[in-house]
N, C-alpha and C. Protein backbone atom coordinates (compact mmCIF):
# COMPACT_ATOMS: atom_id res chain seq x y z
N UNK A 1 -48.59 57.23 41.78
CA UNK A 1 -49.58 56.20 42.06
C UNK A 1 -49.11 54.88 41.48
N UNK A 2 -49.21 53.82 42.25
CA UNK A 2 -48.79 52.50 41.82
C UNK A 2 -50.00 51.75 41.28
N UNK A 3 -49.99 51.43 39.98
CA UNK A 3 -51.14 50.78 39.37
C UNK A 3 -51.04 49.25 39.41
N UNK A 4 -49.94 48.74 39.94
CA UNK A 4 -49.79 47.29 40.02
C UNK A 4 -50.60 46.75 41.20
N UNK A 5 -51.35 45.68 40.97
CA UNK A 5 -52.14 45.11 42.06
C UNK A 5 -51.24 44.38 43.07
N UNK A 6 -51.69 44.29 44.29
CA UNK A 6 -50.97 43.52 45.31
C UNK A 6 -51.16 42.04 45.01
N UNK A 7 -50.05 41.32 44.91
CA UNK A 7 -50.11 39.89 44.59
C UNK A 7 -49.16 39.10 45.49
N UNK A 8 -49.39 39.14 46.80
CA UNK A 8 -48.44 38.49 47.72
C UNK A 8 -48.32 36.98 47.51
N UNK A 9 -49.40 36.31 47.21
CA UNK A 9 -49.33 34.87 47.00
C UNK A 9 -48.72 34.54 45.65
N UNK A 10 -49.15 35.23 44.62
CA UNK A 10 -48.61 35.02 43.28
C UNK A 10 -47.10 35.26 43.26
N UNK A 11 -46.65 36.24 44.02
CA UNK A 11 -45.22 36.55 44.06
C UNK A 11 -44.37 35.42 44.64
N UNK A 12 -44.99 34.50 45.36
CA UNK A 12 -44.24 33.38 45.95
C UNK A 12 -44.12 32.21 44.98
N UNK A 13 -44.86 32.23 43.89
CA UNK A 13 -44.86 31.11 42.94
C UNK A 13 -43.82 31.35 41.86
N UNK A 14 -42.79 30.53 41.87
CA UNK A 14 -41.72 30.64 40.88
C UNK A 14 -41.61 29.38 40.01
N UNK A 15 -42.07 28.25 40.53
CA UNK A 15 -41.96 26.97 39.82
C UNK A 15 -43.27 26.20 39.97
N UNK A 16 -43.48 25.19 39.13
CA UNK A 16 -44.67 24.35 39.30
C UNK A 16 -44.74 23.70 40.69
N UNK A 17 -43.59 23.39 41.26
CA UNK A 17 -43.58 22.79 42.59
C UNK A 17 -44.15 23.75 43.63
N UNK A 18 -43.92 25.05 43.44
CA UNK A 18 -44.51 26.04 44.35
C UNK A 18 -46.03 25.98 44.31
N UNK A 19 -46.59 25.75 43.14
CA UNK A 19 -48.05 25.62 43.02
C UNK A 19 -48.55 24.40 43.77
N UNK A 20 -47.81 23.31 43.66
CA UNK A 20 -48.22 22.07 44.33
C UNK A 20 -48.22 22.21 45.85
N UNK A 21 -47.41 23.11 46.36
CA UNK A 21 -47.30 23.29 47.82
C UNK A 21 -48.45 24.12 48.38
N UNK A 22 -49.21 24.78 47.53
CA UNK A 22 -50.31 25.61 48.02
C UNK A 22 -51.45 24.75 48.54
N UNK A 23 -52.09 25.24 49.56
CA UNK A 23 -53.28 24.56 50.09
C UNK A 23 -54.44 24.84 49.14
N UNK A 24 -55.37 23.89 49.03
CA UNK A 24 -56.54 24.11 48.18
C UNK A 24 -57.27 25.41 48.51
N UNK A 25 -57.28 25.80 49.76
CA UNK A 25 -57.96 27.03 50.16
C UNK A 25 -57.25 28.28 49.64
N UNK A 26 -56.00 28.17 49.20
CA UNK A 26 -55.26 29.32 48.67
C UNK A 26 -55.46 29.49 47.17
N UNK A 27 -56.03 28.52 46.50
CA UNK A 27 -56.13 28.58 45.04
C UNK A 27 -57.05 29.69 44.56
N UNK A 28 -58.11 29.97 45.29
CA UNK A 28 -59.00 31.07 44.90
C UNK A 28 -58.27 32.40 44.97
N UNK A 29 -57.51 32.61 46.05
CA UNK A 29 -56.73 33.84 46.18
C UNK A 29 -55.72 33.93 45.05
N UNK A 30 -55.06 32.83 44.73
CA UNK A 30 -54.08 32.82 43.65
C UNK A 30 -54.73 33.19 42.33
N UNK A 31 -55.87 32.62 42.05
CA UNK A 31 -56.55 32.93 40.78
C UNK A 31 -57.00 34.38 40.74
N UNK A 32 -57.45 34.93 41.86
CA UNK A 32 -57.84 36.34 41.91
C UNK A 32 -56.64 37.25 41.65
N UNK A 33 -55.50 36.90 42.24
CA UNK A 33 -54.29 37.70 42.05
C UNK A 33 -53.80 37.60 40.60
N UNK A 34 -53.85 36.42 40.04
CA UNK A 34 -53.42 36.22 38.65
C UNK A 34 -54.31 37.02 37.70
N UNK A 35 -55.61 36.98 37.95
CA UNK A 35 -56.55 37.74 37.13
C UNK A 35 -56.26 39.24 37.22
N UNK A 36 -56.04 39.74 38.43
CA UNK A 36 -55.75 41.16 38.62
C UNK A 36 -54.45 41.56 37.92
N UNK A 37 -53.45 40.71 38.00
CA UNK A 37 -52.17 40.99 37.34
C UNK A 37 -52.34 41.03 35.82
N UNK A 38 -53.08 40.08 35.28
CA UNK A 38 -53.31 40.05 33.83
C UNK A 38 -54.10 41.27 33.37
N UNK A 39 -55.09 41.68 34.14
CA UNK A 39 -55.88 42.86 33.79
C UNK A 39 -55.00 44.12 33.82
N UNK A 40 -54.14 44.23 34.79
CA UNK A 40 -53.27 45.39 34.90
C UNK A 40 -52.30 45.46 33.72
N UNK A 41 -51.73 44.33 33.35
CA UNK A 41 -50.76 44.30 32.24
C UNK A 41 -51.47 44.60 30.92
N UNK A 42 -52.60 43.98 30.67
CA UNK A 42 -53.26 44.19 29.39
C UNK A 42 -53.85 45.59 29.29
N UNK A 43 -54.28 46.18 30.39
CA UNK A 43 -54.82 47.54 30.31
C UNK A 43 -53.72 48.53 29.98
N UNK A 44 -52.51 48.31 30.48
CA UNK A 44 -51.37 49.18 30.15
C UNK A 44 -51.02 49.02 28.69
N UNK A 45 -51.01 47.80 28.18
CA UNK A 45 -50.67 47.55 26.79
C UNK A 45 -51.71 48.17 25.86
N UNK A 46 -52.97 48.04 26.19
CA UNK A 46 -54.03 48.62 25.35
C UNK A 46 -53.93 50.13 25.35
N UNK A 47 -53.64 50.72 26.50
CA UNK A 47 -53.47 52.18 26.56
C UNK A 47 -52.32 52.64 25.69
N UNK A 48 -51.24 51.89 25.68
CA UNK A 48 -50.09 52.27 24.86
C UNK A 48 -50.42 52.18 23.37
N UNK A 49 -51.20 51.19 23.00
CA UNK A 49 -51.57 51.03 21.58
C UNK A 49 -52.53 52.11 21.11
N UNK A 50 -53.36 52.62 22.00
CA UNK A 50 -54.38 53.58 21.58
C UNK A 50 -53.84 55.00 21.46
N UNK A 51 -52.63 55.23 21.91
CA UNK A 51 -52.04 56.59 21.81
C UNK A 51 -51.39 56.81 20.49
């Protein structure tokens, strides 16, 4: 099972200039993807610490 969230828009952002190229309508999707990625990473780290 793959626990990593799908982040197709976030995966395209490599530099600050990539962020500037996004349409304002894409920013909500980007923030949702970033939030999901952060939650996935921190939940794995917390699980590792609790063992």
